[in-house]
């Protein structure tokens, strides 16, 4: 798959970067690229190995790993203990009010005049926002995540997708399923842990949430989608595929189904080298949810895969179909010009049948 990215038929750098993010990046990065107006080049660059987020804060060379358990080496023992206890209360006990109290105690104990603790203050502030989200108070958490996202975007930080994911969680509250206090805590806390790479902890919470009494079908579907994403992040791509297939089989009309099927298709094409199955997921979106925002993206991906696989006749038909269905798309210039020229050139070069 990576070889196909490097030799993408001499398409422009922007188009190659777009494809690379969509098909080789994580599904979460795909959404950040496609629906937030971010430059595909920025997100592609953010995934280069070894790339570090630039950070002009005075931190005495400390590494900024936001809100990760155990990242408290520079803190006095008392404050470390408060943070670890707060993590335990939030993760294991779901006692959000007690966790919030411990985070606040730790924050109050830090010398705010010492720039050495700037990152610790930022991390605890994010943890408090997670508490707000777990309580369903997304309006309180949203400004914190937005500030971090905008800061990362401005400095072209490698963590831009992480903050976008947390911000999107707040903005999308209630879109993929109706949040209820009885089911939301495990799910929201797990959603907060995913972008900060605490995948094993998140997986436990997703699994636990499915056993909640009274959980709705939409919520079950959402958990399966997020659980699959979590497994994919840990490199367990075949296990992730099984979760997506379970969602498709049992909850194909759920609110999050088109989003989940798009992620499943990206997983198949980008990580399992199964283009046919990936395109089956994309086609499912087009057929089942033709009016959704994901139908256009799914068709674009099918066209891209046809080009990658050198199926030029298929690519020609899909390009025509895209132009008919989505003439006002932001991708129409790529489809009509760059893809169009490439397809015509390759078809002309083919021997007569």
Protein backbone atom coordinates (compact mmCIF):
# COMPACT_ATOMS: atom_id res chain seq x y z
CA UNK A 1 0.00 0.00 0.00
CA UNK A 2 2.79 2.44 0.87
CA UNK A 3 4.42 1.68 -2.46
CA UNK A 4 1.21 2.73 -4.21
CA UNK A 5 1.35 6.04 -2.33
CA UNK A 6 4.91 6.72 -3.45
CA UNK A 7 4.10 5.96 -7.06
CA UNK A 8 0.69 7.57 -7.48
CA UNK A 9 0.93 8.07 -11.24
CA UNK A 10 2.52 11.53 -10.98
CA UNK A 11 -0.49 13.19 -9.40
CA UNK A 12 0.11 16.57 -7.77
CA UNK A 13 1.62 16.67 -4.27
CA UNK A 14 -1.66 17.87 -2.79
CA UNK A 15 -3.65 14.98 -4.25
CA UNK A 16 -1.05 12.40 -3.21
CA UNK A 17 -1.06 13.82 0.33
CA UNK A 18 -4.86 13.73 0.41
CA UNK A 19 -4.86 10.06 -0.64
CA UNK A 20 -2.10 9.20 1.82
CA UNK A 21 -4.01 10.66 4.75
CA UNK A 22 -7.29 9.08 3.69
CA UNK A 23 -6.02 5.58 2.98
CA UNK A 24 -2.97 5.19 5.21
CA UNK A 25 -3.83 7.46 8.08
CA UNK A 26 -6.20 6.49 10.85
CA UNK A 27 -9.95 6.85 10.20
CA UNK A 28 -10.02 9.61 12.76
CA UNK A 29 -7.41 11.55 10.78
CA UNK A 30 -9.51 11.03 7.66
CA UNK A 31 -12.40 12.89 9.24
CA UNK A 32 -10.13 15.66 10.47
CA UNK A 33 -8.78 16.05 6.94
CA UNK A 34 -12.05 15.85 5.10
CA UNK A 35 -14.52 17.74 7.24
CA UNK A 36 -12.58 20.44 9.01
CA UNK A 37 -11.00 22.16 6.06
CA UNK A 38 -7.50 21.30 7.29
CA UNK A 39 -4.79 21.08 4.70
CA UNK A 40 -4.24 17.42 3.74
CA UNK A 41 -0.54 18.27 3.52
CA UNK A 42 -0.55 19.40 7.14
CA UNK A 43 -2.11 16.21 8.40
CA UNK A 44 0.07 14.06 6.18
CA UNK A 45 3.13 15.84 7.55
CA UNK A 46 1.85 15.36 11.07
CA UNK A 47 2.07 11.60 10.56
CA UNK A 48 5.73 11.51 9.48
CA UNK A 49 7.79 9.31 11.84
CA UNK A 50 9.73 11.27 14.38
CA UNK A 51 7.99 14.57 13.74
CA UNK A 52 7.60 16.45 16.99
CA UNK A 53 5.14 19.17 17.82
CA UNK A 54 6.85 22.53 18.05
CA UNK A 55 6.23 24.11 21.42
CA UNK A 56 7.49 27.52 22.47
CA UNK A 57 6.53 27.10 26.12
CA UNK A 58 9.38 27.27 28.63
CA UNK A 59 9.41 23.70 29.86
CA UNK A 60 13.12 22.95 30.41
CA UNK A 61 13.11 20.36 27.59
CA UNK A 62 10.28 18.32 29.06
CA UNK A 63 8.22 16.26 26.61
CA UNK A 64 4.59 17.26 26.08
CA UNK A 65 2.56 14.05 26.26
CA UNK A 66 -0.81 15.39 27.20
CA UNK A 67 -2.90 13.80 29.92
CA UNK A 68 -1.11 10.44 29.88
CA UNK A 69 -1.04 8.37 33.04
CA UNK A 70 2.41 8.37 34.64
CA UNK A 71 3.60 11.53 32.89
CA UNK A 72 4.33 13.25 36.20
CA UNK A 73 8.06 12.74 36.62
CA UNK A 74 8.76 16.40 37.27
CA UNK A 75 6.15 16.81 39.98
CA UNK A 76 6.56 16.57 43.75
CA UNK A 77 5.38 13.24 45.16
CA UNK A 78 2.28 14.76 46.77
CA UNK A 79 0.99 16.17 43.49
CA UNK A 80 1.81 12.94 41.63
CA UNK A 81 -0.30 11.04 44.14
CA UNK A 82 -3.25 13.40 43.67
CA UNK A 83 -3.16 13.02 39.90
CA UNK A 84 -2.88 9.25 39.99
CA UNK A 85 -5.76 9.04 42.43
CA UNK A 86 -7.81 11.32 40.18
CA UNK A 87 -7.00 9.08 37.20
CA UNK A 88 -8.13 6.03 39.18
CA UNK A 89 -11.37 7.65 40.27
CA UNK A 90 -12.20 8.76 36.74
CA UNK A 91 -11.20 5.51 35.01
CA UNK A 92 -12.03 2.71 37.40
CA UNK A 93 -14.69 4.07 39.74
CA UNK A 94 -16.39 6.58 37.43
CA UNK A 95 -16.57 8.93 40.40
CA UNK A 96 -16.31 12.09 38.34
CA UNK A 97 -16.93 14.56 41.17
CA UNK A 98 -14.18 13.02 43.33
CA UNK A 99 -11.80 12.88 40.37
CA UNK A 100 -12.49 16.54 39.64
CA UNK A 101 -11.76 17.41 43.27
CA UNK A 102 -8.39 15.61 43.15
CA UNK A 103 -7.40 17.26 39.88
CA UNK A 104 -8.25 20.68 41.33
CA UNK A 105 -6.23 19.95 44.46
CA UNK A 106 -3.25 19.03 42.32
CA UNK A 107 -3.68 22.17 40.23
CA UNK A 108 -3.83 24.37 43.33
CA UNK A 109 -0.64 22.77 44.69
CA UNK A 110 1.43 23.66 41.62
CA UNK A 111 3.48 26.85 41.56
CA UNK A 112 1.91 28.67 38.61
CA UNK A 113 4.78 31.18 38.51
CA UNK A 114 7.29 28.47 37.63
CA UNK A 115 7.28 27.84 33.85
CA UNK A 116 8.64 24.35 34.52
CA UNK A 117 5.10 23.28 35.39
CA UNK A 118 3.35 24.80 32.36
CA UNK A 119 2.75 21.43 30.76
CA UNK A 120 1.48 19.92 34.01
CA UNK A 121 -1.00 22.77 34.35
CA UNK A 122 -2.13 22.21 30.76
CA UNK A 123 -2.52 18.45 31.29
CA UNK A 124 -4.57 18.85 34.47
CA UNK A 125 -6.75 21.46 32.77
CA UNK A 126 -7.43 18.94 29.99
CA UNK A 127 -8.21 16.26 32.59
CA UNK A 128 -10.75 18.59 34.19
CA UNK A 129 -12.32 19.10 30.76
CA UNK A 130 -12.56 15.32 30.46
CA UNK A 131 -14.44 15.29 33.77
CA UNK A 132 -16.86 17.86 32.40
CA UNK A 133 -17.38 15.77 29.26
CA UNK A 134 -17.94 12.63 31.33
CA UNK A 135 -20.65 14.49 33.22
CA UNK A 136 -22.28 15.43 29.93
CA UNK A 137 -21.24 19.07 30.28
CA UNK A 138 -19.77 19.34 26.79
CA UNK A 139 -20.22 23.12 26.66
CA UNK A 140 -17.70 23.45 29.50
CA UNK A 141 -15.20 21.02 27.98
CA UNK A 142 -15.40 22.40 24.44
CA UNK A 143 -13.45 25.69 25.02
CA UNK A 144 -10.52 23.79 26.56
CA UNK A 145 -10.24 21.37 23.64
CA UNK A 146 -10.76 24.18 21.12
CA UNK A 147 -7.92 26.23 22.63
CA UNK A 148 -5.54 23.26 22.39
CA UNK A 149 -6.67 22.46 18.86
CA UNK A 150 -6.22 26.02 17.61
CA UNK A 151 -2.83 26.29 19.29
CA UNK A 152 -1.65 23.04 17.70
CA UNK A 153 -3.02 24.05 14.30
CA UNK A 154 -1.25 27.42 14.49
CA UNK A 155 2.14 25.93 15.30
CA UNK A 156 1.56 22.95 12.92
CA UNK A 157 1.89 20.56 15.81
CA UNK A 158 1.90 16.79 15.36
CA UNK A 159 -1.01 16.51 17.80
CA UNK A 160 -3.54 18.48 15.75
CA UNK A 161 -5.64 15.38 14.96
CA UNK A 162 -5.82 14.48 18.66
CA UNK A 163 -7.30 17.83 19.66
CA UNK A 164 -9.61 17.80 16.66
CA UNK A 165 -10.97 14.44 17.82
CA UNK A 166 -11.70 15.74 21.32
CA UNK A 167 -13.24 18.93 19.98
CA UNK A 168 -15.39 16.96 17.55
CA UNK A 169 -16.60 14.75 20.38
CA UNK A 170 -18.02 17.82 22.13
CA UNK A 171 -19.51 19.30 18.99
CA UNK A 172 -21.10 15.97 18.00
CA UNK A 173 -22.61 15.20 21.40
CA UNK A 174 -26.00 13.65 20.78
CA UNK A 175 -25.48 13.28 17.04
CA UNK A 176 -24.47 9.61 16.92
CA UNK A 177 -26.64 8.56 19.84
CA UNK A 178 -28.64 10.22 22.59
CA UNK A 179 -26.42 10.58 25.62
CA UNK A 180 -27.87 9.47 28.93
CA UNK A 181 -26.20 9.78 32.29
CA UNK A 182 -26.36 6.01 32.85
CA UNK A 183 -24.40 5.07 29.71
CA UNK A 184 -22.39 8.16 28.83
CA UNK A 185 -19.61 8.09 31.42
CA UNK A 186 -17.78 4.98 30.23
CA UNK A 187 -18.22 5.96 26.59
CA UNK A 188 -17.17 9.60 26.96
CA UNK A 189 -14.19 8.81 29.17
CA UNK A 190 -13.08 6.20 26.64
CA UNK A 191 -13.51 8.76 23.85
CA UNK A 192 -11.27 11.13 25.82
CA UNK A 193 -8.63 8.45 26.36
CA UNK A 194 -8.42 7.47 22.69
CA UNK A 195 -6.79 10.66 21.34
CA UNK A 196 -4.20 10.61 24.14
CA UNK A 197 -3.25 7.05 23.15
CA UNK A 198 -4.53 5.20 26.21
CA UNK A 199 -6.03 2.53 24.01
CA UNK A 200 -5.98 -0.40 26.43
CA UNK A 201 -7.87 1.66 29.04
CA UNK A 202 -10.33 2.87 26.43
CA UNK A 203 -10.98 -0.67 25.20
CA UNK A 204 -11.93 -1.80 28.72
CA UNK A 205 -14.42 1.03 29.05
CA UNK A 206 -16.03 0.38 25.66
CA UNK A 207 -16.43 -3.29 26.57
CA UNK A 208 -17.92 -2.40 29.95
CA UNK A 209 -20.36 0.09 28.47
CA UNK A 210 -21.98 -2.56 26.26
CA UNK A 211 -23.14 -4.34 29.40
CA UNK A 212 -24.96 -1.29 30.71
CA UNK A 213 -28.64 -1.93 31.34
CA UNK A 214 -30.90 0.02 29.02
CA UNK A 215 -28.21 1.05 26.52
CA UNK A 216 -29.87 2.00 23.23
CA UNK A 217 -29.13 0.40 19.87
CA UNK A 218 -27.65 3.65 18.59
CA UNK A 219 -25.33 3.75 21.59
CA UNK A 220 -24.34 0.10 21.05
CA UNK A 221 -23.51 0.85 17.43
CA UNK A 222 -21.46 3.88 18.46
CA UNK A 223 -19.50 1.80 20.99
CA UNK A 224 -18.77 -0.87 18.36
CA UNK A 225 -17.49 1.85 16.01
CA UNK A 226 -15.24 3.40 18.64
CA UNK A 227 -14.08 0.01 19.91
CA UNK A 228 -13.10 -0.93 16.35
CA UNK A 229 -11.16 2.33 16.02
CA UNK A 230 -9.42 1.57 19.31
CA UNK A 231 -8.41 -1.91 18.15
CA UNK A 232 -7.13 -0.49 14.86
CA UNK A 233 -5.00 2.03 16.75
CA UNK A 234 -3.41 -0.88 18.64
CA UNK A 235 -2.61 -2.62 15.36
CA UNK A 236 -5.31 -5.28 15.80
CA UNK A 237 -6.80 -4.63 12.39
CA UNK A 238 -8.55 -7.98 11.91
CA UNK A 239 -10.23 -7.66 15.32
CA UNK A 240 -11.30 -4.13 14.38
CA UNK A 241 -12.84 -5.44 11.16
CA UNK A 242 -14.92 -7.95 13.14
CA UNK A 243 -16.41 -5.12 15.21
CA UNK A 244 -17.29 -3.14 12.10
CA UNK A 245 -18.91 -6.21 10.57
CA UNK A 246 -20.91 -6.80 13.75
CA UNK A 247 -22.14 -3.21 13.54
CA UNK A 248 -23.09 -3.60 9.90
CA UNK A 249 -24.96 -6.82 10.61
CA UNK A 250 -26.83 -5.74 13.74
CA UNK A 251 -27.14 -1.96 13.55
CA UNK A 252 -26.89 -0.97 9.88
CA UNK A 253 -29.52 1.77 10.27
CA UNK A 254 -27.88 3.33 13.36
CA UNK A 255 -27.05 7.03 13.29
CA UNK A 256 -23.32 6.36 13.22
CA UNK A 257 -23.47 3.54 10.64
CA UNK A 258 -22.32 5.54 7.59
CA UNK A 259 -19.40 7.00 9.53
CA UNK A 260 -18.47 3.53 10.81
CA UNK A 261 -18.68 1.93 7.38
CA UNK A 262 -16.41 4.64 5.96
CA UNK A 263 -13.86 3.85 8.66
CA UNK A 264 -14.22 0.13 7.90
CA UNK A 265 -13.52 0.73 4.22
CA UNK A 266 -10.45 2.81 5.02
CA UNK A 267 -9.24 0.06 7.35
CA UNK A 268 -9.59 -2.58 4.64
CA UNK A 269 -7.88 -0.56 1.94
CA UNK A 270 -5.22 1.11 4.06
CA UNK A 271 -4.23 -1.64 6.48
CA UNK A 272 -5.60 -5.00 5.37
CA UNK A 273 -4.80 -4.63 1.65
CA UNK A 274 -8.31 -5.82 0.86
CA UNK A 275 -9.49 -3.33 -1.73
CA UNK A 276 -12.55 -5.35 -2.72
CA UNK A 277 -13.94 -5.52 0.81
CA UNK A 278 -13.10 -1.87 1.36
CA UNK A 279 -15.02 -0.87 -1.75
CA UNK A 280 -17.93 -3.06 -0.64
CA UNK A 281 -18.16 -0.95 2.52
CA UNK A 282 -17.99 2.26 0.46
CA UNK A 283 -20.69 0.98 -1.91
CA UNK A 284 -22.86 0.05 1.09
CA UNK A 285 -22.75 3.68 2.22
CA UNK A 286 -23.71 4.96 -1.22
CA UNK A 287 -26.64 2.55 -1.50
CA UNK A 288 -27.95 2.74 2.07
CA UNK A 289 -27.25 6.39 2.91
CA UNK A 290 -27.23 8.22 -0.44
CA UNK A 291 -28.16 11.56 1.13
CA UNK A 292 -25.52 11.45 3.88
CA UNK A 293 -22.33 13.50 3.83
CA UNK A 294 -20.37 10.24 3.71
CA UNK A 295 -21.82 9.01 0.40
CA UNK A 296 -19.75 11.52 -1.58
CA UNK A 297 -16.58 10.59 0.26
CA UNK A 298 -17.26 6.88 -0.22
CA UNK A 299 -17.63 7.29 -3.98
CA UNK A 300 -14.44 9.37 -4.13
CA UNK A 301 -12.59 6.58 -2.32
CA UNK A 302 -13.96 3.94 -4.70
CA UNK A 303 -12.71 6.02 -7.61
CA UNK A 304 -9.30 6.43 -5.97
CA UNK A 305 -8.99 2.69 -5.34
CA UNK A 306 -9.91 1.94 -8.96
CA UNK A 307 -7.05 4.22 -10.05
CA UNK A 308 -4.65 2.57 -7.62
CA UNK A 309 -5.64 -0.85 -8.92
CA UNK A 310 -5.29 0.36 -12.52
CA UNK A 311 -8.88 -0.54 -13.33
CA UNK A 312 -9.17 2.25 -15.85
CA UNK A 313 -12.57 1.35 -17.30
CA UNK A 314 -14.05 1.23 -13.81
CA UNK A 315 -12.32 4.49 -12.94
CA UNK A 316 -13.82 6.15 -16.02
CA UNK A 317 -17.34 5.11 -15.04
CA UNK A 318 -16.88 6.11 -11.39
CA UNK A 319 -15.50 9.51 -12.41
CA UNK A 320 -18.57 10.08 -14.56
CA UNK A 321 -20.85 8.94 -11.72
CA UNK A 322 -19.14 11.28 -9.26
CA UNK A 323 -19.59 14.26 -11.57
CA UNK A 324 -23.30 13.45 -11.98
CA UNK A 325 -24.00 12.96 -8.29
CA UNK A 326 -21.75 15.59 -6.76
CA UNK A 327 -21.20 18.44 -9.24
CA UNK A 328 -20.70 21.00 -6.43
CA UNK A 329 -18.25 18.89 -4.43
CA UNK A 330 -15.01 20.38 -3.14
CA UNK A 331 -13.34 17.35 -4.76
CA UNK A 332 -14.82 17.94 -8.22
CA UNK A 333 -11.69 19.70 -9.53
CA UNK A 334 -9.49 16.76 -8.55
CA UNK A 335 -11.96 14.31 -10.07
CA UNK A 336 -12.49 16.22 -13.31
CA UNK A 337 -8.98 17.54 -13.91
CA UNK A 338 -6.25 15.44 -12.32
CA UNK A 339 -8.09 12.13 -12.19
CA UNK A 340 -9.71 12.81 -15.57
CA UNK A 341 -6.42 13.51 -17.33
CA UNK A 342 -4.78 10.48 -15.76
CA UNK A 343 -7.62 8.12 -16.71
CA UNK A 344 -7.76 9.42 -20.29
CA UNK A 345 -3.99 9.05 -20.66
CA UNK A 346 -3.98 5.49 -19.37
CA UNK A 347 -6.98 4.43 -21.48
CA UNK A 348 -5.35 5.90 -24.59
CA UNK A 349 -2.18 3.95 -23.89
CA UNK A 350 -4.02 0.62 -23.64
CA UNK A 351 -3.86 -1.68 -26.68
CA UNK A 352 -7.04 -2.05 -28.68
CA UNK A 353 -9.25 -4.83 -27.40
